[in-house]
């Protein structure tokens, strides 16, 4: 990529922000059904890891678009803090497990592990009637010290 394509990143690292990838719904939500949600907080150790992380996030986003059992997902970034937030909703645990064990997600998470600070993942049941959620609602499970609804 040329230098011009990173101008937004330079501004973001100086305290600006990158637009969040909003909730992307992959299938209709049944308001009477309960789904499995996963929220994550992913801090990077170094700023120089951000461009590669963003590239990897786009590869995973393409994988999400074709994943069986995927209901919807969103990604937010606080680039000045080197922190990324993800939120995804799945039909069931088996769908999430199949996705997580498949490439490119599997290979990317293994490769990124040494570049990450302390990560946080929370898994919980969510009624379809609560979707979509705001970013404050999506981040809440991984902001708090303890989430009583955590299943892992």
N, C-alpha and C. Protein backbone atom coordinates (compact mmCIF):
# COMPACT_ATOMS: atom_id res chain seq x y z
N UNK A 1 0.85 -1.19 0.00
CA UNK A 1 0.00 0.00 0.00
C UNK A 1 0.89 1.24 0.00
N UNK A 2 0.41 2.27 -0.66
CA UNK A 2 1.20 3.50 -0.66
C UNK A 2 0.95 4.33 0.58
N UNK A 3 1.78 5.32 0.78
CA UNK A 3 1.71 6.16 1.99
C UNK A 3 0.36 6.85 2.13
N UNK A 4 -0.23 7.28 1.04
CA UNK A 4 -1.50 7.98 1.08
C UNK A 4 -2.59 7.15 1.78
N UNK A 5 -2.56 5.84 1.59
CA UNK A 5 -3.60 5.00 2.17
C UNK A 5 -3.53 4.92 3.69
N UNK A 6 -2.43 5.38 4.29
CA UNK A 6 -2.29 5.35 5.74
C UNK A 6 -2.51 6.70 6.40
N UNK A 7 -2.94 7.72 5.67
CA UNK A 7 -3.16 9.03 6.28
C UNK A 7 -4.20 8.97 7.38
N UNK A 8 -5.27 8.23 7.20
CA UNK A 8 -6.30 8.12 8.24
C UNK A 8 -5.72 7.47 9.49
N UNK A 9 -4.77 6.52 9.31
CA UNK A 9 -4.15 5.86 10.45
C UNK A 9 -3.28 6.85 11.21
N UNK A 10 -2.52 7.68 10.50
CA UNK A 10 -1.69 8.70 11.16
C UNK A 10 -2.55 9.62 12.01
N UNK A 11 -3.68 10.08 11.47
CA UNK A 11 -4.59 10.95 12.24
C UNK A 11 -5.15 10.21 13.45
N UNK A 12 -5.52 8.96 13.26
CA UNK A 12 -6.10 8.18 14.36
C UNK A 12 -5.09 7.97 15.48
N UNK A 13 -3.85 7.71 15.12
CA UNK A 13 -2.83 7.49 16.14
C UNK A 13 -2.52 8.75 16.92
N UNK A 14 -2.82 9.89 16.34
CA UNK A 14 -2.62 11.16 17.05
C UNK A 14 -3.85 11.54 17.86
N UNK A 15 -4.77 10.63 18.05
CA UNK A 15 -5.93 10.89 18.90
C UNK A 15 -7.24 10.94 18.16
N UNK A 16 -7.21 10.82 16.84
CA UNK A 16 -8.44 10.78 16.07
C UNK A 16 -9.05 9.39 16.19
N UNK A 17 -9.99 9.10 15.34
CA UNK A 17 -10.60 7.78 15.43
C UNK A 17 -10.81 7.20 14.05
N UNK A 18 -10.90 5.90 14.02
CA UNK A 18 -11.22 5.17 12.81
C UNK A 18 -12.70 4.83 12.91
N UNK A 19 -13.44 5.01 11.83
CA UNK A 19 -14.85 4.65 11.92
C UNK A 19 -15.02 3.16 12.24
N UNK A 20 -15.95 2.86 13.12
CA UNK A 20 -16.23 1.47 13.47
C UNK A 20 -16.88 0.78 12.27
N UNK A 21 -16.64 -0.51 12.16
CA UNK A 21 -17.41 -1.29 11.19
C UNK A 21 -18.71 -1.62 11.90
N UNK A 22 -19.81 -1.08 11.43
CA UNK A 22 -21.07 -1.22 12.16
C UNK A 22 -21.58 -2.66 12.14
N UNK A 23 -22.60 -2.88 12.93
CA UNK A 23 -23.27 -4.18 12.98
C UNK A 23 -23.64 -4.59 11.56
N UNK A 24 -23.16 -5.75 11.16
CA UNK A 24 -23.48 -6.31 9.85
C UNK A 24 -24.26 -7.58 10.10
N UNK A 25 -25.51 -7.57 9.70
CA UNK A 25 -26.39 -8.72 9.93
C UNK A 25 -26.33 -9.63 8.71
N UNK A 26 -26.02 -10.90 8.94
CA UNK A 26 -25.87 -11.86 7.84
C UNK A 26 -27.12 -12.67 7.59
N UNK A 27 -28.06 -12.67 8.51
CA UNK A 27 -29.31 -13.40 8.34
C UNK A 27 -30.38 -12.74 9.19
N UNK A 28 -31.64 -12.97 8.88
CA UNK A 28 -32.70 -12.38 9.69
C UNK A 28 -32.63 -12.87 11.14
N UNK A 29 -32.94 -11.96 12.06
CA UNK A 29 -32.93 -12.29 13.48
C UNK A 29 -34.35 -12.61 13.92
N UNK A 30 -34.50 -13.74 14.61
CA UNK A 30 -35.79 -14.12 15.18
C UNK A 30 -35.85 -13.51 16.58
N UNK A 31 -36.74 -12.53 16.82
CA UNK A 31 -36.79 -11.89 18.13
C UNK A 31 -37.16 -12.84 19.26
N UNK A 32 -37.76 -13.98 18.95
CA UNK A 32 -38.15 -14.94 19.98
C UNK A 32 -37.10 -16.00 20.26
N UNK A 33 -35.99 -15.93 19.56
CA UNK A 33 -34.93 -16.95 19.71
C UNK A 33 -33.77 -16.42 20.55
N UNK A 34 -33.05 -17.32 21.19
CA UNK A 34 -31.84 -16.98 21.92
C UNK A 34 -30.63 -17.41 21.09
N UNK A 35 -29.64 -16.53 21.02
CA UNK A 35 -28.42 -16.77 20.25
C UNK A 35 -27.21 -16.75 21.18
N UNK A 36 -26.06 -17.15 20.65
CA UNK A 36 -24.80 -17.07 21.38
C UNK A 36 -24.05 -15.83 20.93
N UNK A 37 -23.65 -14.98 21.87
CA UNK A 37 -22.88 -13.78 21.55
C UNK A 37 -21.46 -13.94 22.08
N UNK A 38 -20.52 -13.32 21.37
CA UNK A 38 -19.14 -13.27 21.81
C UNK A 38 -18.66 -11.83 21.70
N UNK A 39 -18.15 -11.29 22.80
CA UNK A 39 -17.56 -9.95 22.82
C UNK A 39 -16.08 -10.11 23.15
N UNK A 40 -15.24 -9.32 22.48
CA UNK A 40 -13.81 -9.39 22.78
C UNK A 40 -13.19 -8.01 22.84
N UNK A 41 -12.15 -7.93 23.65
CA UNK A 41 -11.30 -6.74 23.74
C UNK A 41 -9.90 -7.23 23.41
N UNK A 42 -9.30 -6.64 22.36
CA UNK A 42 -8.03 -7.12 21.83
C UNK A 42 -7.00 -5.99 21.80
N UNK A 43 -6.20 -5.85 22.84
CA UNK A 43 -5.18 -4.80 22.85
C UNK A 43 -3.88 -5.29 22.21
N UNK A 44 -3.31 -4.46 21.39
CA UNK A 44 -2.00 -4.75 20.80
C UNK A 44 -0.90 -4.18 21.69
N UNK A 45 0.25 -4.79 21.67
CA UNK A 45 1.39 -4.30 22.47
C UNK A 45 2.05 -3.08 21.82
N UNK A 46 2.11 -3.05 20.48
CA UNK A 46 2.83 -1.99 19.78
C UNK A 46 2.00 -1.40 18.65
N UNK A 47 2.16 -0.12 18.46
CA UNK A 47 1.44 0.56 17.38
C UNK A 47 1.82 0.04 16.00
N UNK A 48 3.04 -0.38 15.85
CA UNK A 48 3.48 -0.85 14.53
C UNK A 48 2.74 -2.12 14.09
N UNK A 49 2.04 -2.77 15.01
CA UNK A 49 1.25 -3.96 14.67
C UNK A 49 -0.12 -3.61 14.11
N UNK A 50 -0.53 -2.35 14.21
CA UNK A 50 -1.89 -1.97 13.80
C UNK A 50 -2.17 -2.24 12.32
N UNK A 51 -1.33 -1.80 11.37
CA UNK A 51 -1.68 -2.06 9.96
C UNK A 51 -1.87 -3.54 9.65
N UNK A 52 -0.99 -4.39 10.17
CA UNK A 52 -1.14 -5.83 9.94
C UNK A 52 -2.39 -6.38 10.59
N UNK A 53 -2.71 -5.89 11.79
CA UNK A 53 -3.92 -6.33 12.48
C UNK A 53 -5.15 -5.96 11.65
N UNK A 54 -5.18 -4.75 11.11
CA UNK A 54 -6.32 -4.32 10.29
C UNK A 54 -6.44 -5.17 9.03
N UNK A 55 -5.32 -5.49 8.42
CA UNK A 55 -5.34 -6.35 7.23
C UNK A 55 -5.91 -7.73 7.60
N UNK A 56 -5.44 -8.27 8.74
CA UNK A 56 -5.96 -9.56 9.19
C UNK A 56 -7.44 -9.49 9.53
N UNK A 57 -7.87 -8.38 10.12
CA UNK A 57 -9.28 -8.21 10.47
C UNK A 57 -10.15 -8.25 9.22
N UNK A 58 -9.66 -7.69 8.12
CA UNK A 58 -10.44 -7.71 6.88
C UNK A 58 -10.53 -9.14 6.32
N UNK A 59 -9.46 -9.92 6.46
CA UNK A 59 -9.50 -11.33 6.02
C UNK A 59 -10.52 -12.10 6.85
N UNK A 60 -10.54 -11.85 8.15
CA UNK A 60 -11.51 -12.53 9.01
C UNK A 60 -12.92 -12.05 8.70
N UNK A 61 -13.06 -10.78 8.38
CA UNK A 61 -14.39 -10.26 8.00
C UNK A 61 -14.92 -10.99 6.75
N UNK A 62 -14.04 -11.24 5.78
CA UNK A 62 -14.46 -11.99 4.59
C UNK A 62 -14.88 -13.41 4.97
N UNK A 63 -14.16 -14.02 5.92
CA UNK A 63 -14.52 -15.35 6.39
C UNK A 63 -15.88 -15.32 7.09
N UNK A 64 -16.11 -14.30 7.92
CA UNK A 64 -17.40 -14.16 8.61
C UNK A 64 -18.56 -14.08 7.62
N UNK A 65 -18.33 -13.42 6.50
CA UNK A 65 -19.41 -13.22 5.52
C UNK A 65 -19.93 -14.54 4.96
N UNK A 66 -19.11 -15.57 5.02
CA UNK A 66 -19.55 -16.86 4.48
C UNK A 66 -19.68 -17.96 5.54
N UNK A 67 -19.53 -17.60 6.80
CA UNK A 67 -19.56 -18.60 7.88
C UNK A 67 -20.99 -19.08 8.14
N UNK A 68 -21.16 -20.38 8.21
CA UNK A 68 -22.46 -20.96 8.55
C UNK A 68 -22.77 -20.65 10.01
N UNK A 69 -24.01 -20.28 10.28
CA UNK A 69 -24.44 -20.00 11.64
C UNK A 69 -24.15 -18.59 12.12
N UNK A 70 -23.52 -17.77 11.29
CA UNK A 70 -23.21 -16.38 11.63
C UNK A 70 -24.48 -15.55 11.52
N UNK A 71 -24.81 -14.85 12.60
CA UNK A 71 -25.99 -13.97 12.60
C UNK A 71 -25.57 -12.55 12.28
N UNK A 72 -24.54 -12.05 12.96
CA UNK A 72 -24.04 -10.70 12.70
C UNK A 72 -22.77 -10.43 13.47
N UNK A 73 -22.09 -9.34 13.08
CA UNK A 73 -20.82 -9.00 13.72
C UNK A 73 -20.54 -7.51 13.58
N UNK A 74 -19.59 -7.03 14.40
CA UNK A 74 -19.17 -5.63 14.36
C UNK A 74 -17.73 -5.55 14.86
N UNK A 75 -17.02 -4.50 14.44
CA UNK A 75 -15.63 -4.27 14.86
C UNK A 75 -15.45 -2.79 15.14
N UNK A 76 -14.82 -2.47 16.26
CA UNK A 76 -14.50 -1.09 16.60
C UNK A 76 -13.02 -1.04 16.95
N UNK A 77 -12.42 0.14 16.79
CA UNK A 77 -11.00 0.31 17.09
C UNK A 77 -10.77 1.62 17.82
N UNK A 78 -9.97 1.55 18.84
CA UNK A 78 -9.45 2.73 19.52
C UNK A 78 -7.96 2.73 19.22
N UNK A 79 -7.61 3.25 18.04
CA UNK A 79 -6.25 3.13 17.55
C UNK A 79 -5.23 3.81 18.45
N UNK A 80 -5.58 4.96 19.02
CA UNK A 80 -4.64 5.64 19.91
C UNK A 80 -4.31 4.77 21.13
N UNK A 81 -5.23 3.89 21.50
CA UNK A 81 -5.01 2.97 22.63
C UNK A 81 -4.59 1.58 22.17
N UNK A 82 -4.46 1.41 20.86
CA UNK A 82 -4.06 0.12 20.28
C UNK A 82 -5.03 -1.00 20.67
N UNK A 83 -6.29 -0.68 20.77
CA UNK A 83 -7.29 -1.64 21.25
C UNK A 83 -8.40 -1.82 20.23
N UNK A 84 -8.75 -3.08 20.00
CA UNK A 84 -9.82 -3.44 19.08
C UNK A 84 -10.90 -4.16 19.86
N UNK A 85 -12.13 -3.98 19.42
CA UNK A 85 -13.30 -4.59 20.06
C UNK A 85 -14.07 -5.35 18.98
N UNK A 86 -14.43 -6.58 19.27
CA UNK A 86 -15.27 -7.32 18.34
C UNK A 86 -16.54 -7.79 19.05
N UNK A 87 -17.56 -7.97 18.27
CA UNK A 87 -18.82 -8.49 18.78
C UNK A 87 -19.41 -9.35 17.68
N UNK A 88 -19.78 -10.58 18.00
CA UNK A 88 -20.41 -11.43 17.00
C UNK A 88 -21.52 -12.23 17.66
N UNK A 89 -22.49 -12.58 16.84
CA UNK A 89 -23.64 -13.37 17.31
C UNK A 89 -23.78 -14.56 16.38
N UNK A 90 -23.98 -15.72 17.01
CA UNK A 90 -24.00 -17.00 16.32
C UNK A 90 -25.28 -17.76 16.64
N UNK A 91 -25.68 -18.63 15.72
CA UNK A 91 -26.84 -19.49 15.97
C UNK A 91 -26.60 -20.39 17.15
N UNK A 92 -25.36 -20.89 17.30
CA UNK A 92 -25.06 -21.85 18.37
C UNK A 92 -23.56 -21.97 18.57
N UNK A 93 -23.17 -22.68 19.61
CA UNK A 93 -21.75 -22.88 19.94
C UNK A 93 -21.01 -23.62 18.83
N UNK A 94 -21.66 -24.60 18.23
CA UNK A 94 -21.00 -25.38 17.17
C UNK A 94 -20.60 -24.49 16.00
N UNK A 95 -21.46 -23.55 15.63
CA UNK A 95 -21.14 -22.63 14.52
C UNK A 95 -19.93 -21.77 14.86
N UNK A 96 -19.90 -21.24 16.07
CA UNK A 96 -18.76 -20.42 16.51
C UNK A 96 -17.48 -21.26 16.54
N UNK A 97 -17.56 -22.46 17.10
CA UNK A 97 -16.38 -23.32 17.19
C UNK A 97 -15.83 -23.68 15.80
N UNK A 98 -16.71 -23.98 14.86
CA UNK A 98 -16.28 -24.31 13.50
C UNK A 98 -15.57 -23.13 12.87
N UNK A 99 -16.13 -21.94 13.03
CA UNK A 99 -15.49 -20.73 12.50
C UNK A 99 -14.11 -20.52 13.12
N UNK A 100 -14.02 -20.58 14.45
CA UNK A 100 -12.77 -20.29 15.15
C UNK A 100 -11.67 -21.30 14.79
N UNK A 101 -12.05 -22.54 14.47
CA UNK A 101 -11.07 -23.57 14.15
C UNK A 101 -10.68 -23.60 12.67
N UNK A 102 -11.28 -22.71 11.88
CA UNK A 102 -11.03 -22.70 10.44
C UNK A 102 -10.10 -21.55 10.06
N UNK A 103 -9.33 -21.76 9.01
CA UNK A 103 -8.49 -20.68 8.48
C UNK A 103 -9.33 -19.78 7.59
N UNK A 104 -9.05 -18.48 7.58
CA UNK A 104 -7.85 -17.85 8.10
C UNK A 104 -7.88 -17.51 9.60
N UNK A 105 -9.05 -17.56 10.25
CA UNK A 105 -9.13 -17.17 11.66
C UNK A 105 -8.12 -17.93 12.53
N UNK A 106 -8.06 -19.23 12.37
CA UNK A 106 -7.17 -20.04 13.21
C UNK A 106 -5.72 -19.62 13.04
N UNK A 107 -5.26 -19.48 11.81
CA UNK A 107 -3.86 -19.11 11.56
C UNK A 107 -3.56 -17.69 12.04
N UNK A 108 -4.49 -16.78 11.81
CA UNK A 108 -4.28 -15.39 12.21
C UNK A 108 -4.20 -15.27 13.73
N UNK A 109 -5.09 -15.93 14.45
CA UNK A 109 -5.06 -15.81 15.91
C UNK A 109 -3.77 -16.41 16.48
N UNK A 110 -3.29 -17.47 15.90
CA UNK A 110 -2.01 -18.03 16.36
C UNK A 110 -0.86 -17.07 16.10
N UNK A 111 -0.86 -16.46 14.94
CA UNK A 111 0.22 -15.54 14.57
C UNK A 111 0.18 -14.26 15.41
N UNK A 112 -1.02 -13.79 15.75
CA UNK A 112 -1.15 -12.53 16.50
C UNK A 112 -0.91 -12.67 18.00
N UNK A 113 -1.05 -13.87 18.53
CA UNK A 113 -0.95 -14.05 19.99
C UNK A 113 0.25 -13.34 20.61
N UNK A 114 1.47 -13.43 20.07
CA UNK A 114 2.60 -12.75 20.71
C UNK A 114 2.56 -11.23 20.58
N UNK A 115 1.74 -10.70 19.70
CA UNK A 115 1.64 -9.25 19.51
C UNK A 115 0.60 -8.60 20.40
N UNK A 116 -0.16 -9.43 21.11
CA UNK A 116 -1.30 -8.95 21.87
C UNK A 116 -0.95 -8.74 23.34
N UNK A 117 -1.61 -7.73 23.95
CA UNK A 117 -1.59 -7.57 25.40
C UNK A 117 -2.63 -8.52 25.97
N UNK A 118 -3.03 -8.31 27.23
CA UNK A 118 -4.05 -9.18 27.84
C UNK A 118 -5.41 -9.03 27.14
N UNK A 119 -5.86 -10.09 26.53
CA UNK A 119 -7.14 -10.08 25.82
C UNK A 119 -8.26 -10.47 26.76
N UNK A 120 -9.47 -10.19 26.32
CA UNK A 120 -10.65 -10.55 27.12
C UNK A 120 -11.74 -11.02 26.17
N UNK A 121 -12.31 -12.18 26.43
CA UNK A 121 -13.40 -12.76 25.65
C UNK A 121 -14.53 -13.13 26.60
N UNK A 122 -15.73 -12.80 26.23
CA UNK A 122 -16.91 -13.19 26.99
C UNK A 122 -17.93 -13.80 26.04
N UNK A 123 -18.52 -14.89 26.46
CA UNK A 123 -19.54 -15.61 25.69
C UNK A 123 -20.81 -15.63 26.53
N UNK A 124 -21.94 -15.31 25.90
CA UNK A 124 -23.18 -15.24 26.65
C UNK A 124 -24.38 -15.39 25.72
N UNK A 125 -25.48 -15.78 26.32
CA UNK A 125 -26.74 -15.92 25.58
C UNK A 125 -27.36 -14.54 25.40
N UNK A 126 -27.98 -14.32 24.25
CA UNK A 126 -28.62 -13.05 23.98
C UNK A 126 -29.93 -13.29 23.22
N UNK A 127 -31.01 -12.67 23.69
CA UNK A 127 -32.27 -12.82 22.95
C UNK A 127 -32.22 -12.03 21.64
N UNK A 128 -32.81 -12.59 20.62
CA UNK A 128 -32.86 -11.90 19.33
C UNK A 128 -33.51 -10.54 19.43
N UNK A 129 -34.43 -10.38 20.38
CA UNK A 129 -35.12 -9.09 20.54
C UNK A 129 -34.17 -7.98 20.99
N UNK A 130 -32.97 -8.34 21.50
CA UNK A 130 -31.99 -7.34 21.93
C UNK A 130 -31.07 -6.87 20.81
N UNK A 131 -31.21 -7.46 19.62
CA UNK A 131 -30.34 -7.12 18.49
C UNK A 131 -31.03 -6.15 17.55
N UNK A 132 -30.27 -5.24 16.94
CA UNK A 132 -28.85 -4.98 17.18
C UNK A 132 -28.65 -4.18 18.47
N UNK A 133 -27.40 -4.17 18.94
CA UNK A 133 -27.05 -3.46 20.17
C UNK A 133 -26.21 -2.23 19.83
N UNK A 134 -26.12 -1.31 20.79
CA UNK A 134 -25.23 -0.16 20.63
C UNK A 134 -23.80 -0.60 20.95
N UNK A 135 -22.81 0.23 20.60
CA UNK A 135 -21.43 -0.12 20.93
C UNK A 135 -21.22 -0.18 22.44
N UNK A 136 -21.86 0.71 23.18
CA UNK A 136 -21.73 0.64 24.64
C UNK A 136 -22.23 -0.71 25.16
N UNK A 137 -23.33 -1.20 24.62
CA UNK A 137 -23.86 -2.50 25.04
C UNK A 137 -22.96 -3.65 24.60
N UNK A 138 -22.40 -3.54 23.40
CA UNK A 138 -21.54 -4.61 22.89
C UNK A 138 -20.22 -4.70 23.67
N UNK A 139 -19.70 -3.56 24.10
CA UNK A 139 -18.41 -3.54 24.81
C UNK A 139 -18.55 -3.83 26.31
N UNK A 140 -19.72 -3.63 26.85
CA UNK A 140 -19.92 -3.77 28.30
C UNK A 140 -19.42 -5.11 28.87
N UNK A 141 -19.68 -6.25 28.23
CA UNK A 141 -19.24 -7.51 28.83
C UNK A 141 -17.72 -7.64 28.99
N UNK A 142 -16.95 -6.97 28.16
CA UNK A 142 -15.49 -7.08 28.25
C UNK A 142 -14.84 -5.86 28.89
N UNK A 143 -15.64 -4.88 29.26
CA UNK A 143 -15.12 -3.73 30.01
C UNK A 143 -15.10 -4.02 31.50
N UNK A 144 -16.12 -4.70 31.99
CA UNK A 144 -16.23 -4.96 33.43
C UNK A 144 -15.22 -6.01 33.86
N UNK A 145 -14.94 -6.04 35.16
CA UNK A 145 -14.00 -7.02 35.71
C UNK A 145 -14.59 -8.42 35.73
N UNK A 146 -15.90 -8.52 35.89
CA UNK A 146 -16.54 -9.83 35.96
C UNK A 146 -17.89 -9.75 35.28
N UNK A 147 -18.19 -10.72 34.45
CA UNK A 147 -19.48 -10.78 33.78
C UNK A 147 -20.22 -12.02 34.25
N UNK A 148 -21.32 -11.85 34.99
CA UNK A 148 -22.02 -13.04 35.51
C UNK A 148 -22.61 -13.92 34.44
N UNK A 149 -22.79 -13.40 33.21
CA UNK A 149 -23.38 -14.19 32.15
C UNK A 149 -22.34 -14.93 31.34
N UNK A 150 -21.08 -14.80 31.67
CA UNK A 150 -20.02 -15.44 30.90
C UNK A 150 -20.18 -16.96 30.94
N UNK A 151 -20.01 -17.60 29.79
CA UNK A 151 -20.12 -19.05 29.72
C UNK A 151 -18.76 -19.71 29.58
N UNK A 152 -17.69 -18.93 29.51
CA UNK A 152 -16.33 -19.50 29.43
C UNK A 152 -15.45 -18.78 30.38
